[in-house]
Amino acid sequence: MKMAHLGSRKIRNVKDLVIDKRGLGDTIEAITAVTGIKTVVKLAADALGVEDCGCDKRRDALNRIFPYKIESNVTPKTSD
């Protein structure tokens, strides 16, 4: 199986893409980085003279709308 890389981490499956993510925006950013879409968008924006493609604003908006809820104060139920 071919693995993609995200920074220094190897991506083996979809679960690896959501670890340490605040929400959907972070996951989409990771997927676009792994697939090379992010690089293409940056190159196109530079070629067109556009300073900001809006990716960061879009990521933050998606994180606010679709956050990953992690409840740290919940204790697991045990069987009696």
C-alpha atoms as a PDB file:
ATOM      1  CA  MET A   1       0.000   0.000   0.000  1.00  0.00           C
ATOM      2  CA  LYS A   2       1.380   3.398  -0.983  1.00  0.00           C
ATOM      3  CA  MET A   3       1.425   5.943   1.845  1.00  0.00           C
ATOM      4  CA  ALA A   4       1.183   9.696   1.528  1.00  0.00           C
ATOM      5  CA  HIS A   5       3.045  12.051   3.807  1.00  0.00           C
ATOM      6  CA  LEU A   6       1.682  14.994   5.776  1.00  0.00           C
ATOM      7  CA  GLY A   7       4.623  16.858   7.163  1.00  0.00           C
ATOM      8  CA  SER A   8       6.681  14.263   8.986  1.00  0.00           C
ATOM      9  CA  ARG A   9       3.733  11.877   9.542  1.00  0.00           C
ATOM     10  CA  LYS A  10       2.814   9.054   7.183  1.00  0.00           C
ATOM     11  CA  ILE A  11      -0.848   8.879   6.207  1.00  0.00           C
ATOM     12  CA  ARG A  12      -2.076   5.284   6.170  1.00  0.00           C
ATOM     13  CA  ASN A  13      -5.832   5.830   6.305  1.00  0.00           C
ATOM     14  CA  VAL A  14      -8.515   8.484   6.697  1.00  0.00           C
ATOM     15  CA  LYS A  15      -8.311   8.321  10.504  1.00  0.00           C
ATOM     16  CA  ASP A  16      -4.733   9.610  10.297  1.00  0.00           C
ATOM     17  CA  LEU A  17      -6.064  12.734   8.553  1.00  0.00           C
ATOM     18  CA  VAL A  18      -8.300  13.743  11.484  1.00  0.00           C
ATOM     19  CA  ILE A  19      -5.864  13.202  14.360  1.00  0.00           C
ATOM     20  CA  ASP A  20      -5.008  16.506  16.078  1.00  0.00           C
ATOM     21  CA  LYS A  21      -7.487  18.433  13.934  1.00  0.00           C
ATOM     22  CA  ARG A  22      -9.865  21.106  15.244  1.00  0.00           C
ATOM     23  CA  GLY A  23     -12.519  20.482  12.628  1.00  0.00           C
ATOM     24  CA  LEU A  24     -13.463  19.775   9.010  1.00  0.00           C
ATOM     25  CA  GLY A  25     -11.408  22.701   7.704  1.00  0.00           C
ATOM     26  CA  ASP A  26      -8.177  21.232   9.092  1.00  0.00           C
ATOM     27  CA  THR A  27      -8.990  17.837   7.577  1.00  0.00           C
ATOM     28  CA  ILE A  28      -9.691  19.348   4.143  1.00  0.00           C
ATOM     29  CA  GLU A  29      -6.430  21.294   4.364  1.00  0.00           C
ATOM     30  CA  ALA A  30      -4.560  18.055   5.166  1.00  0.00           C
ATOM     31  CA  ILE A  31      -6.177  16.235   2.238  1.00  0.00           C
ATOM     32  CA  THR A  32      -5.363  19.056  -0.191  1.00  0.00           C
ATOM     33  CA  ALA A  33      -1.759  19.085   1.063  1.00  0.00           C
ATOM     34  CA  VAL A  34      -1.388  15.315   0.626  1.00  0.00           C
ATOM     35  CA  THR A  35      -2.937  15.302  -2.855  1.00  0.00           C
ATOM     36  CA  GLY A  36      -0.955  18.329  -4.055  1.00  0.00           C
ATOM     37  CA  ILE A  37      -3.995  20.535  -4.593  1.00  0.00           C
ATOM     38  CA  LYS A  38      -2.726  23.060  -2.046  1.00  0.00           C
ATOM     39  CA  THR A  39       0.554  23.460  -3.935  1.00  0.00           C
ATOM     40  CA  VAL A  40      -1.255  23.946  -7.258  1.00  0.00           C
ATOM     41  CA  VAL A  41      -3.549  26.596  -5.741  1.00  0.00           C
ATOM     42  CA  LYS A  42      -0.576  28.463  -4.250  1.00  0.00           C
ATOM     43  CA  LEU A  43       1.280  28.382  -7.583  1.00  0.00           C
ATOM     44  CA  ALA A  44      -1.811  29.582  -9.464  1.00  0.00           C
ATOM     45  CA  ALA A  45      -2.413  32.393  -6.952  1.00  0.00           C
ATOM     46  CA  ASP A  46       1.231  33.489  -7.252  1.00  0.00           C
ATOM     47  CA  ALA A  47       1.048  33.397 -11.064  1.00  0.00           C
ATOM     48  CA  LEU A  48      -2.099  35.536 -11.029  1.00  0.00           C
ATOM     49  CA  GLY A  49      -0.627  37.960  -8.512  1.00  0.00           C
ATOM     50  CA  VAL A  50      -3.175  37.104  -5.836  1.00  0.00           C
ATOM     51  CA  GLU A  51      -1.721  37.411  -2.336  1.00  0.00           C
ATOM     52  CA  ASP A  52      -4.383  35.456  -0.469  1.00  0.00           C
ATOM     53  CA  CYS A  53      -6.503  32.716  -2.018  1.00  0.00           C
ATOM     54  CA  GLY A  54      -8.804  32.681   1.036  1.00  0.00           C
ATOM     55  CA  CYS A  55      -7.818  29.176   2.101  1.00  0.00           C
ATOM     56  CA  ASP A  56      -7.074  30.139   5.718  1.00  0.00           C
ATOM     57  CA  LYS A  57     -10.374  31.997   6.129  1.00  0.00           C
ATOM     58  CA  ARG A  58     -12.280  29.106   4.569  1.00  0.00           C
ATOM     59  CA  ARG A  59     -10.478  26.586   6.825  1.00  0.00           C
ATOM     60  CA  ASP A  60     -11.276  28.624   9.954  1.00  0.00           C
ATOM     61  CA  ALA A  61     -14.926  29.030   8.932  1.00  0.00           C
ATOM     62  CA  LEU A  62     -15.310  25.281   8.336  1.00  0.00           C
ATOM     63  CA  ASN A  63     -13.652  24.543  11.688  1.00  0.00           C
ATOM     64  CA  ARG A  64     -16.180  26.827  13.425  1.00  0.00           C
ATOM     65  CA  ILE A  65     -19.166  25.343  11.594  1.00  0.00           C
ATOM     66  CA  PHE A  66     -18.048  21.688  11.803  1.00  0.00           C
ATOM     67  CA  PRO A  67     -15.803  21.277  14.866  1.00  0.00           C
ATOM     68  CA  TYR A  68     -14.615  17.894  16.064  1.00  0.00           C
ATOM     69  CA  LYS A  69     -15.997  17.531  19.544  1.00  0.00           C
ATOM     70  CA  ILE A  70     -13.626  15.977  22.030  1.00  0.00           C
ATOM     71  CA  GLU A  71     -15.015  15.592  25.508  1.00  0.00           C
ATOM     72  CA  SER A  72     -12.126  15.157  27.903  1.00  0.00           C
ATOM     73  CA  ASN A  73     -14.168  15.158  31.118  1.00  0.00           C
ATOM     74  CA  VAL A  74     -16.206  12.073  30.224  1.00  0.00           C
ATOM     75  CA  THR A  75     -15.385   8.861  32.050  1.00  0.00           C
ATOM     76  CA  PRO A  76     -16.146   5.601  30.252  1.00  0.00           C
ATOM     77  CA  LYS A  77     -18.994   3.446  31.517  1.00  0.00           C
ATOM     78  CA  THR A  78     -17.988   0.226  33.165  1.00  0.00           C
ATOM     79  CA  SER A  79     -20.027  -2.944  33.351  1.00  0.00           C
ATOM     80  CA  ASP A  80     -21.022  -4.001  36.860  1.00  0.00           C
END
